[in-house]
Amino acid sequence: GWYRQAPGKERELVATIGRFGTTDYGDSVKGRFAISRDNA
């Protein structure tokens, strides 16, 4: 996954993806960001 941290703020979830493709997104990036993975 990906996390981000802006100056003066706590680190927050951007997106994660499981081994078989299950994804989770932070509310602020839903609909704009897309996470993917290449297991190979």
Full PDB file with SEQRES, HELIX, SHEET, SSBOND, CRYST1, ORIGX, SCALE, CONECT and MASTER records, all heavy atoms in Angstrom:
SEQRES   1 A   40  GLY TRP TYR ARG GLN ALA PRO GLY LYS GLU ARG GLU LEU          
SEQRES   2 A   40  VAL ALA THR ILE GLY ARG PHE GLY THR THR ASP TYR GLY          
SEQRES   3 A   40  ASP SER VAL LYS GLY ARG PHE ALA ILE SER ARG ASP ASN          
SEQRES   4 A   40  ALA                                                          
HELIX    1 AA1 ASP A   27  VAL A   29  5                                   3    
SHEET    1 AA1 3 TRP A   2  ARG A   4  0                                        
SHEET    2 AA1 3 GLU A  12  ILE A  17 -1                                        
SHEET    3 AA1 3 THR A  23  TYR A  25 -1                                        
CRYST1    1.000    1.000    1.000  90.00  90.00  90.00 P 1           1          
ORIGX1      1.000000  0.000000  0.000000        0.00000                         
ORIGX2      0.000000  1.000000  0.000000        0.00000                         
ORIGX3      0.000000  0.000000  1.000000        0.00000                         
SCALE1      1.000000  0.000000  0.000000        0.00000                         
SCALE2      0.000000  1.000000  0.000000        0.00000                         
SCALE3      0.000000  0.000000  1.000000        0.00000                         
ATOM      1  N   GLY A   1       0.786  -1.214   0.000  1.00  0.00           N  
ATOM      2  CA  GLY A   1       0.000   0.000   0.000  1.00  0.00           C  
ATOM      3  C   GLY A   1       0.819   1.264   0.000  1.00  0.00           C  
ATOM      4  O   GLY A   1       2.052   1.241  -0.064  1.00  0.00           O  
ATOM      5  N   TRP A   2       0.090   2.368   0.061  1.00  0.00           N  
ATOM      6  CA  TRP A   2       0.676   3.695   0.083  1.00  0.00           C  
ATOM      7  C   TRP A   2       0.087   4.512   1.218  1.00  0.00           C  
ATOM      8  O   TRP A   2      -1.135   4.484   1.451  1.00  0.00           O  
ATOM      9  CB  TRP A   2       0.440   4.432  -1.238  1.00  0.00           C  
ATOM     10  CG  TRP A   2       1.120   3.805  -2.409  1.00  0.00           C  
ATOM     11  CD1 TRP A   2       0.616   2.864  -3.248  1.00  0.00           C  
ATOM     12  CD2 TRP A   2       2.440   4.098  -2.872  1.00  0.00           C  
ATOM     13  NE1 TRP A   2       1.544   2.539  -4.212  1.00  0.00           N  
ATOM     14  CE2 TRP A   2       2.667   3.287  -4.000  1.00  0.00           C  
ATOM     15  CE3 TRP A   2       3.445   4.966  -2.451  1.00  0.00           C  
ATOM     16  CZ2 TRP A   2       3.866   3.315  -4.718  1.00  0.00           C  
ATOM     17  CZ3 TRP A   2       4.637   4.995  -3.156  1.00  0.00           C  
ATOM     18  CH2 TRP A   2       4.836   4.176  -4.269  1.00  0.00           C  
ATOM     19  N   TYR A   3       0.942   5.230   1.913  1.00  0.00           N  
ATOM     20  CA  TYR A   3       0.550   6.165   2.952  1.00  0.00           C  
ATOM     21  C   TYR A   3       1.205   7.500   2.655  1.00  0.00           C  
ATOM     22  O   TYR A   3       2.207   7.555   1.942  1.00  0.00           O  
ATOM     23  CB  TYR A   3       0.964   5.657   4.327  1.00  0.00           C  
ATOM     24  CG  TYR A   3       0.243   4.394   4.752  1.00  0.00           C  
ATOM     25  CD1 TYR A   3       0.603   3.158   4.239  1.00  0.00           C  
ATOM     26  CD2 TYR A   3      -0.806   4.451   5.674  1.00  0.00           C  
ATOM     27  CE1 TYR A   3      -0.062   2.003   4.615  1.00  0.00           C  
ATOM     28  CE2 TYR A   3      -1.473   3.302   6.059  1.00  0.00           C  
ATOM     29  CZ  TYR A   3      -1.097   2.086   5.529  1.00  0.00           C  
ATOM     30  OH  TYR A   3      -1.767   0.943   5.916  1.00  0.00           O  
ATOM     31  N   ARG A   4       0.640   8.566   3.194  1.00  0.00           N  
ATOM     32  CA  ARG A   4       1.224   9.876   2.960  1.00  0.00           C  
ATOM     33  C   ARG A   4       1.207  10.713   4.228  1.00  0.00           C  
ATOM     34  O   ARG A   4       0.395  10.491   5.122  1.00  0.00           O  
ATOM     35  CB  ARG A   4       0.489  10.614   1.838  1.00  0.00           C  
ATOM     36  CG  ARG A   4      -0.931  11.043   2.179  1.00  0.00           C  
ATOM     37  CD  ARG A   4      -1.616  11.624   0.953  1.00  0.00           C  
ATOM     38  NE  ARG A   4      -2.950  12.128   1.260  1.00  0.00           N  
ATOM     39  CZ  ARG A   4      -3.812  12.564   0.352  1.00  0.00           C  
ATOM     40  NH1 ARG A   4      -3.479  12.558  -0.945  1.00  0.00           N  
ATOM     41  NH2 ARG A   4      -5.008  13.008   0.729  1.00  0.00           N  
ATOM     42  N   GLN A   5       2.101  11.677   4.272  1.00  0.00           N  
ATOM     43  CA  GLN A   5       2.194  12.564   5.413  1.00  0.00           C  
ATOM     44  C   GLN A   5       2.512  13.976   4.937  1.00  0.00           C  
ATOM     45  O   GLN A   5       3.543  14.209   4.307  1.00  0.00           O  
ATOM     46  CB  GLN A   5       3.258  12.083   6.396  1.00  0.00           C  
ATOM     47  CG  GLN A   5       3.299  12.866   7.695  1.00  0.00           C  
ATOM     48  CD  GLN A   5       4.161  12.198   8.745  1.00  0.00           C  
ATOM     49  OE1 GLN A   5       5.022  11.386   8.431  1.00  0.00           O  
ATOM     50  NE2 GLN A   5       3.924  12.530  10.001  1.00  0.00           N  
ATOM     51  N   ALA A   6       1.622  14.898   5.241  1.00  0.00           N  
ATOM     52  CA  ALA A   6       1.817  16.303   4.924  1.00  0.00           C  
ATOM     53  C   ALA A   6       2.465  16.999   6.115  1.00  0.00           C  
ATOM     54  O   ALA A   6       2.361  16.524   7.250  1.00  0.00           O  
ATOM     55  CB  ALA A   6       0.485  16.957   4.577  1.00  0.00           C  
ATOM     56  N   PRO A   7       3.129  18.130   5.891  1.00  0.00           N  
ATOM     57  CA  PRO A   7       3.777  18.853   6.994  1.00  0.00           C  
ATOM     58  C   PRO A   7       2.804  19.174   8.119  1.00  0.00           C  
ATOM     59  O   PRO A   7       1.723  19.706   7.886  1.00  0.00           O  
ATOM     60  CB  PRO A   7       4.282  20.129   6.320  1.00  0.00           C  
ATOM     61  CG  PRO A   7       4.491  19.738   4.896  1.00  0.00           C  
ATOM     62  CD  PRO A   7       3.369  18.780   4.593  1.00  0.00           C  
ATOM     63  N   GLY A   8       3.195  18.839   9.343  1.00  0.00           N  
ATOM     64  CA  GLY A   8       2.374  19.126  10.506  1.00  0.00           C  
ATOM     65  C   GLY A   8       1.190  18.205  10.699  1.00  0.00           C  
ATOM     66  O   GLY A   8       0.378  18.427  11.603  1.00  0.00           O  
ATOM     67  N   LYS A   9       1.069  17.177   9.879  1.00  0.00           N  
ATOM     68  CA  LYS A   9      -0.054  16.256   9.980  1.00  0.00           C  
ATOM     69  C   LYS A   9       0.423  14.829  10.185  1.00  0.00           C  
ATOM     70  O   LYS A   9       1.580  14.496   9.927  1.00  0.00           O  
ATOM     71  CB  LYS A   9      -0.927  16.337   8.726  1.00  0.00           C  
ATOM     72  CG  LYS A   9      -1.561  17.697   8.489  1.00  0.00           C  
ATOM     73  CD  LYS A   9      -2.442  17.686   7.259  1.00  0.00           C  
ATOM     74  CE  LYS A   9      -3.092  19.038   7.033  1.00  0.00           C  
ATOM     75  NZ  LYS A   9      -3.949  19.038   5.822  1.00  0.00           N  
ATOM     76  N   GLU A  10      -0.483  13.987  10.659  1.00  0.00           N  
ATOM     77  CA  GLU A  10      -0.159  12.585  10.874  1.00  0.00           C  
ATOM     78  C   GLU A  10      -0.171  11.813   9.560  1.00  0.00           C  
ATOM     79  O   GLU A  10      -0.845  12.192   8.603  1.00  0.00           O  
ATOM     80  CB  GLU A  10      -1.153  11.950  11.851  1.00  0.00           C  
ATOM     81  CG  GLU A  10      -1.093  12.522  13.260  1.00  0.00           C  
ATOM     82  CD  GLU A  10      -2.039  11.817  14.203  1.00  0.00           C  
ATOM     83  OE1 GLU A  10      -2.885  11.036  13.740  1.00  0.00           O  
ATOM     84  OE2 GLU A  10      -1.929  12.044  15.420  1.00  0.00           O  
ATOM     85  N   ARG A  11       0.565  10.732   9.543  1.00  0.00           N  
ATOM     86  CA  ARG A  11       0.559   9.873   8.373  1.00  0.00           C  
ATOM     87  C   ARG A  11      -0.820   9.242   8.204  1.00  0.00           C  
ATOM     88  O   ARG A  11      -1.428   8.787   9.176  1.00  0.00           O  
ATOM     89  CB  ARG A  11       1.629   8.791   8.515  1.00  0.00           C  
ATOM     90  CG  ARG A  11       1.824   7.943   7.277  1.00  0.00           C  
ATOM     91  CD  ARG A  11       3.026   7.012   7.420  1.00  0.00           C  
ATOM     92  NE  ARG A  11       4.263   7.751   7.630  1.00  0.00           N  
ATOM     93  CZ  ARG A  11       5.462   7.187   7.658  1.00  0.00           C  
ATOM     94  NH1 ARG A  11       5.587   5.875   7.478  1.00  0.00           N  
ATOM     95  NH2 ARG A  11       6.536   7.935   7.875  1.00  0.00           N  
ATOM     96  N   GLU A  12      -1.309   9.205   6.974  1.00  0.00           N  
ATOM     97  CA  GLU A  12      -2.639   8.697   6.717  1.00  0.00           C  
ATOM     98  C   GLU A  12      -2.643   7.677   5.585  1.00  0.00           C  
ATOM     99  O   GLU A  12      -1.771   7.675   4.717  1.00  0.00           O  
ATOM    100  CB  GLU A  12      -3.608   9.836   6.375  1.00  0.00           C  
ATOM    101  CG  GLU A  12      -3.283  10.557   5.077  1.00  0.00           C  
ATOM    102  CD  GLU A  12      -4.333  11.577   4.674  1.00  0.00           C  
ATOM    103  OE1 GLU A  12      -5.416  11.598   5.296  1.00  0.00           O  
ATOM    104  OE2 GLU A  12      -4.074  12.357   3.736  1.00  0.00           O  
ATOM    105  N   LEU A  13      -3.648   6.840   5.617  1.00  0.00           N  
ATOM    106  CA  LEU A  13      -3.833   5.840   4.578  1.00  0.00           C  
ATOM    107  C   LEU A  13      -4.199   6.501   3.256  1.00  0.00           C  
ATOM    108  O   LEU A  13      -5.076   7.352   3.199  1.00  0.00           O  
ATOM    109  CB  LEU A  13      -4.936   4.862   4.979  1.00  0.00           C  
ATOM    110  CG  LEU A  13      -5.480   3.952   3.879  1.00  0.00           C  
ATOM    111  CD1 LEU A  13      -4.450   2.889   3.500  1.00  0.00           C  
ATOM    112  CD2 LEU A  13      -6.790   3.308   4.312  1.00  0.00           C  
ATOM    113  N   VAL A  14      -3.531   6.080   2.192  1.00  0.00           N  
ATOM    114  CA  VAL A  14      -3.929   6.445   0.841  1.00  0.00           C  
ATOM    115  C   VAL A  14      -4.678   5.281   0.214  1.00  0.00           C  
ATOM    116  O   VAL A  14      -5.841   5.396  -0.169  1.00  0.00           O  
ATOM    117  CB  VAL A  14      -2.725   6.843  -0.028  1.00  0.00           C  
ATOM    118  CG1 VAL A  14      -3.189   7.164  -1.445  1.00  0.00           C  
ATOM    119  CG2 VAL A  14      -1.992   8.029   0.581  1.00  0.00           C  
ATOM    120  N   ALA A  15      -4.012   4.142   0.123  1.00  0.00           N  
ATOM    121  CA  ALA A  15      -4.633   2.957  -0.448  1.00  0.00           C  
ATOM    122  C   ALA A  15      -3.827   1.719  -0.105  1.00  0.00           C  
ATOM    123  O   ALA A  15      -2.610   1.787   0.049  1.00  0.00           O  
ATOM    124  CB  ALA A  15      -4.756   3.085  -1.972  1.00  0.00           C  
ATOM    125  N   THR A  16      -4.500   0.596   0.021  1.00  0.00           N  
ATOM    126  CA  THR A  16      -3.845  -0.689   0.186  1.00  0.00           C  
ATOM    127  C   THR A  16      -4.469  -1.699  -0.766  1.00  0.00           C  
ATOM    128  O   THR A  16      -5.612  -1.537  -1.205  1.00  0.00           O  
ATOM    129  CB  THR A  16      -3.946  -1.235   1.622  1.00  0.00           C  
ATOM    130  OG1 THR A  16      -5.317  -1.447   1.968  1.00  0.00           O  
ATOM    131  CG2 THR A  16      -3.302  -0.281   2.618  1.00  0.00           C  
ATOM    132  N   ILE A  17      -3.714  -2.739  -1.061  1.00  0.00           N  
ATOM    133  CA  ILE A  17      -4.214  -3.808  -1.919  1.00  0.00           C  
ATOM    134  C   ILE A  17      -3.700  -5.138  -1.400  1.00  0.00           C  
ATOM    135  O   ILE A  17      -2.516  -5.300  -1.119  1.00  0.00           O  
ATOM    136  CB  ILE A  17      -3.819  -3.570  -3.391  1.00  0.00           C  
ATOM    137  CG1 ILE A  17      -4.397  -4.669  -4.290  1.00  0.00           C  
ATOM    138  CG2 ILE A  17      -2.305  -3.464  -3.547  1.00  0.00           C  
ATOM    139  CD1 ILE A  17      -4.313  -4.328  -5.772  1.00  0.00           C  
ATOM    140  N   GLY A  18      -4.604  -6.091  -1.253  1.00  0.00           N  
ATOM    141  CA  GLY A  18      -4.267  -7.407  -0.754  1.00  0.00           C  
ATOM    142  C   GLY A  18      -3.672  -8.296  -1.819  1.00  0.00           C  
ATOM    143  O   GLY A  18      -3.584  -7.936  -2.993  1.00  0.00           O  
ATOM    144  N   ARG A  19      -3.284  -9.471  -1.392  1.00  0.00           N  
ATOM    145  CA  ARG A  19      -2.604 -10.408  -2.276  1.00  0.00           C  
ATOM    146  C   ARG A  19      -3.437 -10.769  -3.495  1.00  0.00           C  
ATOM    147  O   ARG A  19      -2.893 -10.965  -4.587  1.00  0.00           O  
ATOM    148  CB  ARG A  19      -2.245 -11.674  -1.490  1.00  0.00           C  
ATOM    149  CG  ARG A  19      -1.452 -12.699  -2.260  1.00  0.00           C  
ATOM    150  CD  ARG A  19      -1.175 -13.904  -1.390  1.00  0.00           C  
ATOM    151  NE  ARG A  19      -0.429 -14.937  -2.099  1.00  0.00           N  
ATOM    152  CZ  ARG A  19      -0.149 -16.126  -1.608  1.00  0.00           C  
ATOM    153  NH1 ARG A  19      -0.558 -16.456  -0.385  1.00  0.00           N  
ATOM    154  NH2 ARG A  19       0.539 -16.996  -2.331  1.00  0.00           N  
ATOM    155  N   PHE A  20      -4.752 -10.844  -3.311  1.00  0.00           N  
ATOM    156  CA  PHE A  20      -5.622 -11.255  -4.396  1.00  0.00           C  
ATOM    157  C   PHE A  20      -6.491 -10.119  -4.936  1.00  0.00           C  
ATOM    158  O   PHE A  20      -7.503 -10.358  -5.588  1.00  0.00           O  
ATOM    159  CB  PHE A  20      -6.485 -12.436  -3.962  1.00  0.00           C  
ATOM    160  CG  PHE A  20      -5.679 -13.628  -3.549  1.00  0.00           C  
ATOM    161  CD1 PHE A  20      -5.563 -13.981  -2.215  1.00  0.00           C  
ATOM    162  CD2 PHE A  20      -5.017 -14.389  -4.490  1.00  0.00           C  
ATOM    163  CE1 PHE A  20      -4.810 -15.076  -1.829  1.00  0.00           C  
ATOM    164  CE2 PHE A  20      -4.255 -15.488  -4.122  1.00  0.00           C  
ATOM    165  CZ  PHE A  20      -4.154 -15.834  -2.783  1.00  0.00           C  
ATOM    166  N   GLY A  21      -6.098  -8.890  -4.649  1.00  0.00           N  
ATOM    167  CA  GLY A  21      -6.715  -7.752  -5.302  1.00  0.00           C  
ATOM    168  C   GLY A  21      -7.705  -6.939  -4.495  1.00  0.00           C  
ATOM    169  O   GLY A  21      -8.239  -5.953  -5.027  1.00  0.00           O  
ATOM    170  N   THR A  22      -7.974  -7.294  -3.262  1.00  0.00           N  
ATOM    171  CA  THR A  22      -8.883  -6.500  -2.439  1.00  0.00           C  
ATOM    172  C   THR A  22      -8.255  -5.151  -2.117  1.00  0.00           C  
ATOM    173  O   THR A  22      -7.122  -5.086  -1.657  1.00  0.00           O  
ATOM    174  CB  THR A  22      -9.227  -7.231  -1.138  1.00  0.00           C  
ATOM    175  OG1 THR A  22      -9.855  -8.481  -1.439  1.00  0.00           O  
ATOM    176  CG2 THR A  22     -10.180  -6.399  -0.294  1.00  0.00           C  
ATOM    177  N   THR A  23      -8.993  -4.073  -2.353  1.00  0.00           N  
ATOM    178  CA  THR A  23      -8.452  -2.728  -2.173  1.00  0.00           C  
ATOM    179  C   THR A  23      -9.173  -1.956  -1.080  1.00  0.00           C  
ATOM    180  O   THR A  23     -10.336  -2.218  -0.759  1.00  0.00           O  
ATOM    181  CB  THR A  23      -8.527  -1.921  -3.477  1.00  0.00           C  
ATOM    182  OG1 THR A  23      -9.888  -1.843  -3.922  1.00  0.00           O  
ATOM    183  CG2 THR A  23      -7.685  -2.580  -4.558  1.00  0.00           C  
ATOM    184  N   ASP A  24      -8.464  -0.988  -0.541  1.00  0.00           N  
ATOM    185  CA  ASP A  24      -9.012  -0.095   0.465  1.00  0.00           C  
ATOM    186  C   ASP A  24      -8.431   1.294   0.205  1.00  0.00           C  
ATOM    187  O   ASP A  24      -7.221   1.426  -0.011  1.00  0.00           O  
ATOM    188  CB  ASP A  24      -8.652  -0.574   1.871  1.00  0.00           C  
ATOM    189  CG  ASP A  24      -9.332   0.231   2.963  1.00  0.00           C  
ATOM    190  OD1 ASP A  24     -10.410   0.793   2.708  1.00  0.00           O  
ATOM    191  OD2 ASP A  24      -8.778   0.288   4.085  1.00  0.00           O  
ATOM    192  N   TYR A  25      -9.285   2.324   0.211  1.00  0.00           N  
ATOM    193  CA  TYR A  25      -8.857   3.679  -0.087  1.00  0.00           C  
ATOM    194  C   TYR A  25      -9.234   4.636   1.023  1.00  0.00           C  
ATOM    195  O   TYR A  25     -10.269   4.482   1.671  1.00  0.00           O  
ATOM    196  CB  TYR A  25      -9.495   4.180  -1.383  1.00  0.00           C  
ATOM    197  CG  TYR A  25      -9.031   3.478  -2.626  1.00  0.00           C  
ATOM    198  CD1 TYR A  25      -9.721   2.377  -3.125  1.00  0.00           C  
ATOM    199  CD2 TYR A  25      -7.902   3.912  -3.313  1.00  0.00           C  
ATOM    200  CE1 TYR A  25      -9.297   1.727  -4.270  1.00  0.00           C  
ATOM    201  CE2 TYR A  25      -7.470   3.267  -4.465  1.00  0.00           C  
ATOM    202  CZ  TYR A  25      -8.173   2.177  -4.933  1.00  0.00           C  
ATOM    203  OH  TYR A  25      -7.751   1.539  -6.080  1.00  0.00           O  
ATOM    204  N   GLY A  26      -8.383   5.632   1.212  1.00  0.00           N  
ATOM    205  CA  GLY A  26      -8.742   6.715   2.097  1.00  0.00           C  
ATOM    206  C   GLY A  26      -9.875   7.529   1.493  1.00  0.00           C  
ATOM    207  O   GLY A  26      -9.984   7.646   0.272  1.00  0.00           O  
ATOM    208  N   ASP A  27     -10.719   8.099   2.343  1.00  0.00           N  
ATOM    209  CA  ASP A  27     -11.894   8.818   1.857  1.00  0.00           C  
ATOM    210  C   ASP A  27     -11.543   9.970   0.921  1.00  0.00           C  
ATOM    211  O   ASP A  27     -12.273  10.255  -0.034  1.00  0.00           O  
ATOM    212  CB  ASP A  27     -12.710   9.355   3.036  1.00  0.00           C  
ATOM    213  CG  ASP A  27     -13.395   8.252   3.820  1.00  0.00           C  
ATOM    214  OD1 ASP A  27     -13.594   7.157   3.263  1.00  0.00           O  
ATOM    215  OD2 ASP A  27     -13.747   8.495   4.991  1.00  0.00           O  
ATOM    216  N   SER A  28     -10.443  10.638   1.180  1.00  0.00           N  
ATOM    217  CA  SER A  28     -10.088  11.818   0.414  1.00  0.00           C  
ATOM    218  C   SER A  28      -9.610  11.509  -1.005  1.00  0.00           C  
ATOM    219  O   SER A  28      -9.521  12.422  -1.832  1.00  0.00           O  
ATOM    220  CB  SER A  28      -9.012  12.626   1.152  1.00  0.00           C  
ATOM    221  OG  SER A  28      -7.818  11.880   1.281  1.00  0.00           O  
ATOM    222  N   VAL A  29      -9.311  10.251  -1.296  1.00  0.00           N  
ATOM    223  CA  VAL A  29      -8.776   9.911  -2.616  1.00  0.00           C  
ATOM    224  C   VAL A  29      -9.693   8.993  -3.409  1.00  0.00           C  
ATOM    225  O   VAL A  29      -9.399   8.684  -4.574  1.00  0.00           O  
ATOM    226  CB  VAL A  29      -7.372   9.276  -2.519  1.00  0.00           C  
ATOM    227  CG1 VAL A  29      -6.439  10.173  -1.721  1.00  0.00           C  
ATOM    228  CG2 VAL A  29      -7.440   7.890  -1.891  1.00  0.00           C  
ATOM    229  N   LYS A  30     -10.781   8.564  -2.827  1.00  0.00           N  
ATOM    230  CA  LYS A  30     -11.704   7.665  -3.514  1.00  0.00           C  
ATOM    231  C   LYS A  30     -12.243   8.304  -4.789  1.00  0.00           C  
ATOM    232  O   LYS A  30     -12.655   9.457  -4.797  1.00  0.00           O  
ATOM    233  CB  LYS A  30     -12.865   7.280  -2.602  1.00  0.00           C  
ATOM    234  CG  LYS A  30     -12.481   6.350  -1.475  1.00  0.00           C  
ATOM    235  CD  LYS A  30     -13.682   5.989  -0.610  1.00  0.00           C  
ATOM    236  CE  LYS A  30     -13.286   5.038   0.503  1.00  0.00           C  
ATOM    237  NZ  LYS A  30     -14.428   4.714   1.389  1.00  0.00           N  
ATOM    238  N   GLY A  31     -12.212   7.536  -5.862  1.00  0.00           N  
ATOM    239  CA  GLY A  31     -12.679   8.031  -7.143  1.00  0.00           C  
ATOM    240  C   GLY A  31     -11.628   8.747  -7.947  1.00  0.00           C  
ATOM    241  O   GLY A  31     -11.838   9.022  -9.135  1.00  0.00           O  
ATOM    242  N   ARG A  32     -10.494   9.062  -7.327  1.00  0.00           N  
ATOM    243  CA  ARG A  32      -9.422   9.769  -8.023  1.00  0.00           C  
ATOM    244  C   ARG A  32      -8.159   8.929  -8.167  1.00  0.00           C  
ATOM    245  O   ARG A  32      -7.470   9.023  -9.179  1.00  0.00           O  
ATOM    246  CB  ARG A  32      -9.079  11.070  -7.293  1.00  0.00           C  
ATOM    247  CG  ARG A  32     -10.239  12.059  -7.216  1.00  0.00           C  
ATOM    248  CD  ARG A  32      -9.776  13.407  -6.670  1.00  0.00           C  
ATOM    249  NE  ARG A  32      -9.267  13.306  -5.295  1.00  0.00           N  
ATOM    250  CZ  ARG A  32      -8.032  13.611  -4.930  1.00  0.00           C  
ATOM    251  NH1 ARG A  32      -7.158  14.051  -5.833  1.00  0.00           N  
ATOM    252  NH2 ARG A  32      -7.651  13.495  -3.663  1.00  0.00           N  
ATOM    253  N   PHE A  33      -7.851   8.151  -7.147  1.00  0.00           N  
ATOM    254  CA  PHE A  33      -6.641   7.332  -7.156  1.00  0.00           C  
ATOM    255  C   PHE A  33      -6.999   5.866  -7.376  1.00  0.00           C  
ATOM    256  O   PHE A  33      -8.092   5.415  -7.017  1.00  0.00           O  
ATOM    257  CB  PHE A  33      -5.888   7.452  -5.835  1.00  0.00           C  
ATOM    258  CG  PHE A  33      -5.281   8.801  -5.567  1.00  0.00           C  
ATOM    259  CD1 PHE A  33      -5.499   9.879  -6.409  1.00  0.00           C  
ATOM    260  CD2 PHE A  33      -4.479   8.993  -4.449  1.00  0.00           C  
ATOM    261  CE1 PHE A  33      -4.945  11.121  -6.160  1.00  0.00           C  
ATOM    262  CE2 PHE A  33      -3.913  10.227  -4.182  1.00  0.00           C  
ATOM    263  CZ  PHE A  33      -4.147  11.295  -5.038  1.00  0.00           C  
ATOM    264  N   ALA A  34      -6.066   5.115  -7.936  1.00  0.00           N  
ATOM    265  CA  ALA A  34      -6.249   3.687  -8.144  1.00  0.00           C  
ATOM    266  C   ALA A  34      -4.958   2.942  -7.831  1.00  0.00           C  
ATOM    267  O   ALA A  34      -3.892   3.305  -8.336  1.00  0.00           O  
ATOM    268  CB  ALA A  34      -6.694   3.405  -9.572  1.00  0.00           C  
ATOM    269  N   ILE A  35      -5.064   1.926  -7.000  1.00  0.00           N  
ATOM    270  CA  ILE A  35      -3.899   1.133  -6.632  1.00  0.00           C  
ATOM    271  C   ILE A  35      -3.938  -0.201  -7.373  1.00  0.00           C  
ATOM    272  O   ILE A  35      -5.010  -0.755  -7.624  1.00  0.00           O  
ATOM    273  CB  ILE A  35      -3.834   0.914  -5.104  1.00  0.00           C  
ATOM    274  CG1 ILE A  35      -2.499   0.291  -4.698  1.00  0.00           C  
ATOM    275  CG2 ILE A  35      -5.008   0.069  -4.616  1.00  0.00           C  
ATOM    276  CD1 ILE A  35      -2.268   0.265  -3.186  1.00  0.00           C  
ATOM    277  N   SER A  36      -2.776  -0.702  -7.729  1.00  0.00           N  
ATOM    278  CA  SER A  36      -2.675  -1.990  -8.396  1.00  0.00           C  
ATOM    279  C   SER A  36      -1.357  -2.649  -7.996  1.00  0.00           C  
ATOM    280  O   SER A  36      -0.478  -2.002  -7.421  1.00  0.00           O  
ATOM    281  CB  SER A  36      -2.767  -1.833  -9.918  1.00  0.00           C  
ATOM    282  OG  SER A  36      -1.719  -1.023 -10.407  1.00  0.00           O  
ATOM    283  N   ARG A  37      -1.229  -3.924  -8.298  1.00  0.00           N  
ATOM    284  CA  ARG A  37       0.001  -4.632  -7.960  1.00  0.00           C  
ATOM    285  C   ARG A  37       0.339  -5.668  -9.018  1.00  0.00           C  
ATOM    286  O   ARG A  37      -0.529  -6.155  -9.745  1.00  0.00           O  
ATOM    287  CB  ARG A  37      -0.100  -5.293  -6.580  1.00  0.00           C  
ATOM    288  CG  ARG A  37      -1.146  -6.388  -6.476  1.00  0.00           C  
ATOM    289  CD  ARG A  37      -1.324  -6.844  -5.030  1.00  0.00           C  
ATOM    290  NE  ARG A  37      -0.241  -7.732  -4.595  1.00  0.00           N  
ATOM    291  CZ  ARG A  37      -0.083  -8.152  -3.338  1.00  0.00           C  
ATOM    292  NH1 ARG A  37      -0.912  -7.739  -2.388  1.00  0.00           N  
ATOM    293  NH2 ARG A  37       0.920  -8.970  -3.037  1.00  0.00           N  
ATOM    294  N   ASP A  38       1.609  -6.008  -9.081  1.00  0.00           N  
ATOM    295  CA  ASP A  38       2.111  -7.038  -9.959  1.00  0.00           C  
ATOM    296  C   ASP A  38       2.867  -8.018  -9.075  1.00  0.00           C  
ATOM    297  O   ASP A  38       3.995  -7.754  -8.664  1.00  0.00           O  
ATOM    298  CB  ASP A  38       3.026  -6.445 -11.031  1.00  0.00           C  
ATOM    299  CG  ASP A  38       3.471  -7.460 -12.058  1.00  0.00           C  
ATOM    300  OD1 ASP A  38       3.496  -8.667 -11.750  1.00  0.00           O  
ATOM    301  OD2 ASP A  38       3.799  -7.055 -13.185  1.00  0.00           O  
ATOM    302  N   ASN A  39       2.250  -9.137  -8.780  1.00  0.00           N  
ATOM    303  CA  ASN A  39       2.850 -10.097  -7.859  1.00  0.00           C  
ATOM    304  C   ASN A  39       4.148 -10.695  -8.400  1.00  0.00           C  
ATOM    305  O   ASN A  39       5.071 -10.985  -7.639  1.00  0.00           O  
ATOM    306  CB  ASN A  39       1.855 -11.218  -7.546  1.00  0.00           C  
ATOM    307  CG  ASN A  39       0.682 -10.734  -6.712  1.00  0.00           C  
ATOM    308  OD1 ASN A  39       0.802  -9.785  -5.934  1.00  0.00           O  
ATOM    309  ND2 ASN A  39      -0.465 -11.380  -6.865  1.00  0.00           N  
ATOM    310  N   ALA A  40       4.213 -10.889  -9.710  1.00  0.00           N  
ATOM    311  CA  ALA A  40       5.409 -11.453 -10.317  1.00  0.00           C  
ATOM    312  C   ALA A  40       6.612 -10.536 -10.145  1.00  0.00           C  
ATOM    313  O   ALA A  40       7.748 -10.997 -10.042  1.00  0.00           O  
ATOM    314  CB  ALA A  40       5.177 -11.739 -11.795  1.00  0.00           C  
TER     315      ALA A  40                                                      
MASTER        0    0    0    1    3    0    0    6  314    1    0    4          
END                                                                             
